[in-house]
């Protein structure tokens, strides 16, 4: 058994995002994602459905051409193969995400 802490954040990546797998089993992966301030990423086109919760910060995403603002405590589901990307992330506080990928 291993205890994992989601807070406080470790050193942020210098740019982009850092993905840390917290749990992985057949058909399921749970990640913590740390975003550097002002990060942009993607586009992503993933084989698995994704449920993402923004634990801290604010972020602007684009999902299938639609812009979505997320604030701490808000979550959304992204279907498999829906093209998406992060357009911008807050600096203070920085963005910490919990992502659940599943089939």
N, C-alpha and C. Protein backbone atom coordinates (compact mmCIF):
# COMPACT_ATOMS: atom_id res chain seq x y z
N UNK A 1 0.85 -1.17 0.00
CA UNK A 1 0.00 0.00 0.00
C UNK A 1 0.89 1.23 0.00
N UNK A 2 0.55 2.18 -0.87
CA UNK A 2 1.31 3.42 -0.96
C UNK A 2 0.37 4.60 -0.84
N UNK A 3 0.69 5.53 0.03
CA UNK A 3 -0.10 6.75 0.19
C UNK A 3 0.46 7.79 -0.78
N UNK A 4 -0.43 8.38 -1.59
CA UNK A 4 -0.03 9.41 -2.56
C UNK A 4 -0.69 10.72 -2.16
N UNK A 5 0.07 11.80 -2.22
CA UNK A 5 -0.46 13.12 -1.90
C UNK A 5 -0.74 13.88 -3.19
N UNK A 6 -1.93 14.48 -3.27
CA UNK A 6 -2.26 15.32 -4.41
C UNK A 6 -1.83 16.76 -4.17
N UNK A 7 -1.75 17.16 -2.88
CA UNK A 7 -1.32 18.49 -2.48
C UNK A 7 -0.26 18.33 -1.41
N UNK A 8 0.62 19.24 -1.15
CA UNK A 8 0.86 20.40 -2.00
C UNK A 8 1.56 19.96 -3.27
N UNK A 9 1.59 20.84 -4.22
CA UNK A 9 2.21 20.50 -5.50
C UNK A 9 3.72 20.44 -5.36
N UNK A 10 4.35 19.51 -6.06
CA UNK A 10 5.82 19.52 -6.10
C UNK A 10 6.25 20.61 -7.07
N UNK A 11 7.51 20.67 -7.38
CA UNK A 11 7.99 21.66 -8.34
C UNK A 11 7.21 21.53 -9.64
N UNK A 12 6.75 22.66 -10.14
CA UNK A 12 6.01 22.65 -11.40
C UNK A 12 6.95 22.40 -12.56
N UNK A 13 6.45 21.86 -13.65
CA UNK A 13 7.29 21.71 -14.84
C UNK A 13 7.66 23.10 -15.36
N UNK A 14 8.78 23.21 -16.02
CA UNK A 14 9.23 24.50 -16.57
C UNK A 14 8.31 24.98 -17.69
N UNK A 15 7.68 24.06 -18.35
CA UNK A 15 6.73 24.38 -19.42
C UNK A 15 5.85 23.18 -19.66
N UNK A 16 4.68 23.41 -20.20
CA UNK A 16 3.79 22.31 -20.53
C UNK A 16 3.19 21.64 -19.30
N UNK A 17 3.02 20.34 -19.41
CA UNK A 17 2.36 19.58 -18.35
C UNK A 17 3.21 18.38 -17.94
N UNK A 18 3.06 17.98 -16.67
CA UNK A 18 3.70 16.75 -16.19
C UNK A 18 2.59 15.80 -15.74
N UNK A 19 2.65 14.58 -16.25
CA UNK A 19 1.65 13.55 -15.96
C UNK A 19 2.24 12.54 -14.99
N UNK A 20 1.50 12.26 -13.92
CA UNK A 20 1.94 11.26 -12.94
C UNK A 20 0.84 10.22 -12.80
N UNK A 21 1.13 8.98 -13.16
CA UNK A 21 0.14 7.92 -13.03
C UNK A 21 0.03 7.53 -11.57
N UNK A 22 -1.19 7.61 -11.02
CA UNK A 22 -1.44 7.26 -9.63
C UNK A 22 -1.91 5.82 -9.50
N UNK A 23 -2.66 5.35 -10.52
CA UNK A 23 -3.19 3.99 -10.52
C UNK A 23 -3.44 3.57 -11.95
N UNK A 24 -3.04 2.35 -12.29
CA UNK A 24 -3.31 1.84 -13.63
C UNK A 24 -3.64 0.36 -13.54
N UNK A 25 -4.73 0.00 -14.18
CA UNK A 25 -5.17 -1.39 -14.25
C UNK A 25 -5.86 -1.55 -15.61
N UNK A 26 -6.26 -2.73 -15.93
CA UNK A 26 -6.88 -2.97 -17.23
C UNK A 26 -8.12 -2.08 -17.41
N UNK A 27 -8.08 -1.25 -18.44
CA UNK A 27 -9.22 -0.40 -18.76
C UNK A 27 -9.38 0.84 -17.91
N UNK A 28 -8.39 1.16 -17.03
CA UNK A 28 -8.50 2.31 -16.14
C UNK A 28 -7.11 2.88 -15.84
N UNK A 29 -7.00 4.22 -15.95
CA UNK A 29 -5.76 4.91 -15.56
C UNK A 29 -6.16 6.20 -14.87
N UNK A 30 -5.60 6.45 -13.70
CA UNK A 30 -5.85 7.69 -12.96
C UNK A 30 -4.53 8.44 -12.88
N UNK A 31 -4.58 9.73 -13.28
CA UNK A 31 -3.37 10.55 -13.32
C UNK A 31 -3.57 11.85 -12.55
N UNK A 32 -2.47 12.35 -12.03
CA UNK A 32 -2.42 13.73 -11.56
C UNK A 32 -1.63 14.47 -12.63
N UNK A 33 -2.14 15.63 -13.02
CA UNK A 33 -1.48 16.44 -14.04
C UNK A 33 -1.15 17.79 -13.42
N UNK A 34 0.09 18.21 -13.55
CA UNK A 34 0.53 19.53 -13.10
C UNK A 34 0.82 20.37 -14.34
N UNK A 35 0.24 21.56 -14.40
CA UNK A 35 0.43 22.45 -15.55
C UNK A 35 1.28 23.64 -15.16
N UNK A 36 2.29 23.92 -15.97
CA UNK A 36 3.07 25.14 -15.78
C UNK A 36 2.16 26.32 -16.10
N UNK A 37 2.38 27.47 -15.46
CA UNK A 37 1.55 28.65 -15.76
C UNK A 37 1.59 28.99 -17.24
N UNK A 38 0.41 29.30 -17.79
CA UNK A 38 0.32 29.68 -19.20
C UNK A 38 0.50 28.54 -20.16
N UNK A 39 0.30 27.31 -19.68
CA UNK A 39 0.53 26.13 -20.52
C UNK A 39 -0.50 26.01 -21.63
N UNK A 40 -0.03 25.50 -22.76
CA UNK A 40 -0.90 25.09 -23.86
C UNK A 40 -0.42 23.71 -24.27
N UNK A 41 -1.35 22.86 -24.70
CA UNK A 41 -0.97 21.49 -25.05
C UNK A 41 -1.82 20.98 -26.18
N UNK A 42 -1.50 19.74 -26.58
CA UNK A 42 -2.32 19.01 -27.53
C UNK A 42 -2.07 19.43 -28.96
N UNK A 43 -2.95 19.05 -29.84
CA UNK A 43 -4.24 18.45 -29.55
C UNK A 43 -4.11 16.96 -29.19
N UNK A 44 -5.03 16.52 -28.34
CA UNK A 44 -5.08 15.12 -27.94
C UNK A 44 -6.24 14.44 -28.66
N UNK A 45 -6.04 13.19 -28.99
CA UNK A 45 -7.08 12.33 -29.56
C UNK A 45 -6.82 10.96 -28.93
N UNK A 46 -7.53 10.67 -27.85
CA UNK A 46 -7.22 9.50 -27.03
C UNK A 46 -8.18 8.34 -27.30
N UNK A 47 -7.67 7.13 -27.10
CA UNK A 47 -8.46 5.92 -27.31
C UNK A 47 -9.45 5.65 -26.19
N UNK A 48 -9.25 6.28 -25.04
CA UNK A 48 -10.11 6.03 -23.89
C UNK A 48 -10.95 7.27 -23.58
N UNK A 49 -12.12 7.06 -22.95
CA UNK A 49 -12.89 8.18 -22.41
C UNK A 49 -12.08 8.78 -21.27
N UNK A 50 -12.31 10.07 -21.01
CA UNK A 50 -11.58 10.75 -19.93
C UNK A 50 -12.55 11.61 -19.12
N UNK A 51 -12.44 11.51 -17.81
CA UNK A 51 -13.15 12.39 -16.89
C UNK A 51 -12.06 13.19 -16.19
N UNK A 52 -12.15 14.50 -16.25
CA UNK A 52 -11.10 15.34 -15.68
C UNK A 52 -11.71 16.31 -14.67
N UNK A 53 -11.03 16.44 -13.53
CA UNK A 53 -11.43 17.33 -12.46
C UNK A 53 -10.29 18.31 -12.22
N UNK A 54 -10.60 19.59 -12.28
CA UNK A 54 -9.60 20.60 -11.97
C UNK A 54 -9.62 20.83 -10.47
N UNK A 55 -8.58 20.38 -9.80
CA UNK A 55 -8.51 20.48 -8.34
C UNK A 55 -8.14 21.88 -7.88
N UNK A 56 -7.31 22.56 -8.66
CA UNK A 56 -6.79 23.88 -8.27
C UNK A 56 -6.53 24.68 -9.52
N UNK A 57 -6.80 25.99 -9.46
CA UNK A 57 -6.49 26.88 -10.57
C UNK A 57 -7.65 27.08 -11.52
N UNK A 58 -7.35 27.68 -12.67
CA UNK A 58 -8.32 27.90 -13.73
C UNK A 58 -7.65 27.55 -15.06
N UNK A 59 -8.47 27.05 -16.00
CA UNK A 59 -7.92 26.63 -17.28
C UNK A 59 -8.92 26.90 -18.40
N UNK A 60 -8.38 27.15 -19.57
CA UNK A 60 -9.17 27.30 -20.78
C UNK A 60 -8.84 26.13 -21.69
N UNK A 61 -9.86 25.37 -22.08
CA UNK A 61 -9.69 24.21 -22.94
C UNK A 61 -10.45 24.43 -24.24
N UNK A 62 -10.10 23.64 -25.23
CA UNK A 62 -10.86 23.59 -26.47
C UNK A 62 -11.18 22.12 -26.72
N UNK A 63 -12.47 21.81 -26.84
CA UNK A 63 -12.91 20.44 -27.06
C UNK A 63 -13.78 20.44 -28.31
N UNK A 64 -13.31 19.73 -29.33
CA UNK A 64 -14.03 19.67 -30.61
C UNK A 64 -14.40 21.07 -31.10
N UNK A 65 -13.45 22.03 -30.98
CA UNK A 65 -13.65 23.38 -31.47
C UNK A 65 -14.40 24.31 -30.54
N UNK A 66 -14.91 23.81 -29.42
CA UNK A 66 -15.65 24.64 -28.45
C UNK A 66 -14.76 24.98 -27.27
N UNK A 67 -14.70 26.26 -26.92
CA UNK A 67 -13.90 26.69 -25.77
C UNK A 67 -14.67 26.47 -24.47
N UNK A 68 -13.94 25.95 -23.47
CA UNK A 68 -14.53 25.65 -22.17
C UNK A 68 -13.63 26.22 -21.09
N UNK A 69 -14.20 27.05 -20.20
CA UNK A 69 -13.47 27.56 -19.04
C UNK A 69 -13.75 26.64 -17.86
N UNK A 70 -12.69 26.20 -17.20
CA UNK A 70 -12.83 25.36 -16.00
C UNK A 70 -12.23 26.10 -14.81
N UNK A 71 -12.91 26.00 -13.67
CA UNK A 71 -12.41 26.56 -12.42
C UNK A 71 -12.26 25.43 -11.42
N UNK A 72 -11.50 25.67 -10.39
CA UNK A 72 -11.27 24.66 -9.36
C UNK A 72 -12.59 24.06 -8.89
N UNK A 73 -12.61 22.74 -8.81
CA UNK A 73 -13.80 22.03 -8.37
C UNK A 73 -14.74 21.62 -9.49
N UNK A 74 -14.45 22.05 -10.72
CA UNK A 74 -15.30 21.69 -11.85
C UNK A 74 -14.70 20.51 -12.61
N UNK A 75 -15.59 19.68 -13.15
CA UNK A 75 -15.17 18.47 -13.86
C UNK A 75 -15.94 18.36 -15.17
N UNK A 76 -15.38 17.61 -16.09
CA UNK A 76 -16.09 17.33 -17.34
C UNK A 76 -15.64 16.00 -17.90
N UNK A 77 -16.49 15.44 -18.75
CA UNK A 77 -16.19 14.18 -19.43
C UNK A 77 -15.82 14.48 -20.87
N UNK A 78 -14.79 13.79 -21.35
CA UNK A 78 -14.34 13.94 -22.73
C UNK A 78 -14.41 12.56 -23.37
N UNK A 79 -15.28 12.37 -24.36
CA UNK A 79 -15.40 11.06 -24.99
C UNK A 79 -14.12 10.66 -25.73
N UNK A 80 -13.90 9.38 -25.86
CA UNK A 80 -12.76 8.88 -26.63
C UNK A 80 -12.80 9.51 -28.03
N UNK A 81 -11.63 9.86 -28.52
CA UNK A 81 -11.40 10.43 -29.85
C UNK A 81 -11.97 11.83 -30.06
N UNK A 82 -12.45 12.48 -29.00
CA UNK A 82 -12.83 13.90 -29.10
C UNK A 82 -11.54 14.70 -29.06
N UNK A 83 -11.27 15.44 -30.11
CA UNK A 83 -10.02 16.22 -30.15
C UNK A 83 -10.13 17.36 -29.14
N UNK A 84 -9.11 17.46 -28.28
CA UNK A 84 -9.12 18.48 -27.25
C UNK A 84 -7.70 18.94 -26.95
N UNK A 85 -7.64 20.13 -26.36
CA UNK A 85 -6.35 20.69 -25.97
C UNK A 85 -6.54 21.74 -24.90
N UNK A 86 -5.47 21.98 -24.18
CA UNK A 86 -5.43 23.06 -23.18
C UNK A 86 -4.91 24.29 -23.89
N UNK A 87 -5.62 25.40 -23.75
CA UNK A 87 -5.21 26.66 -24.39
C UNK A 87 -4.43 27.56 -23.43
N UNK A 88 -4.80 27.51 -22.13
CA UNK A 88 -4.14 28.38 -21.15
C UNK A 88 -4.42 27.86 -19.75
N UNK A 89 -3.48 28.09 -18.83
CA UNK A 89 -3.65 27.71 -17.43
C UNK A 89 -3.20 28.85 -16.53
N UNK A 90 -3.80 28.93 -15.36
CA UNK A 90 -3.50 30.01 -14.42
C UNK A 90 -2.12 29.82 -13.78
N UNK A 91 -1.60 30.96 -13.28
CA UNK A 91 -0.29 30.94 -12.62
C UNK A 91 -0.42 30.89 -11.10
N UNK A 92 -1.39 31.59 -10.56
CA UNK A 92 -1.51 31.68 -9.10
C UNK A 92 -2.98 31.60 -8.70
N UNK A 93 -3.47 30.43 -8.36
CA UNK A 93 -2.69 29.22 -8.17
C UNK A 93 -2.49 28.46 -9.49
N UNK A 94 -1.48 27.63 -9.50
CA UNK A 94 -1.22 26.80 -10.67
C UNK A 94 -2.29 25.71 -10.77
N UNK A 95 -2.35 25.07 -11.93
CA UNK A 95 -3.38 24.05 -12.16
C UNK A 95 -2.90 22.66 -11.73
N UNK A 96 -3.74 22.02 -10.95
CA UNK A 96 -3.56 20.62 -10.59
C UNK A 96 -4.84 19.90 -11.01
N UNK A 97 -4.69 18.83 -11.78
CA UNK A 97 -5.81 18.09 -12.34
C UNK A 97 -5.79 16.65 -11.82
N UNK A 98 -6.96 16.06 -11.80
CA UNK A 98 -7.10 14.63 -11.60
C UNK A 98 -7.83 14.12 -12.84
N UNK A 99 -7.19 13.21 -13.57
CA UNK A 99 -7.76 12.66 -14.80
C UNK A 99 -7.99 11.18 -14.65
N UNK A 100 -9.18 10.74 -15.02
CA UNK A 100 -9.53 9.32 -14.99
C UNK A 100 -9.81 8.89 -16.42
N UNK A 101 -9.00 7.97 -16.94
CA UNK A 101 -9.16 7.44 -18.28
C UNK A 101 -9.77 6.04 -18.14
N UNK A 102 -10.81 5.77 -18.92
CA UNK A 102 -11.50 4.48 -18.77
C UNK A 102 -12.10 4.03 -20.09
N UNK A 103 -12.38 2.73 -20.16
CA UNK A 103 -13.04 2.15 -21.35
C UNK A 103 -14.48 1.88 -21.04
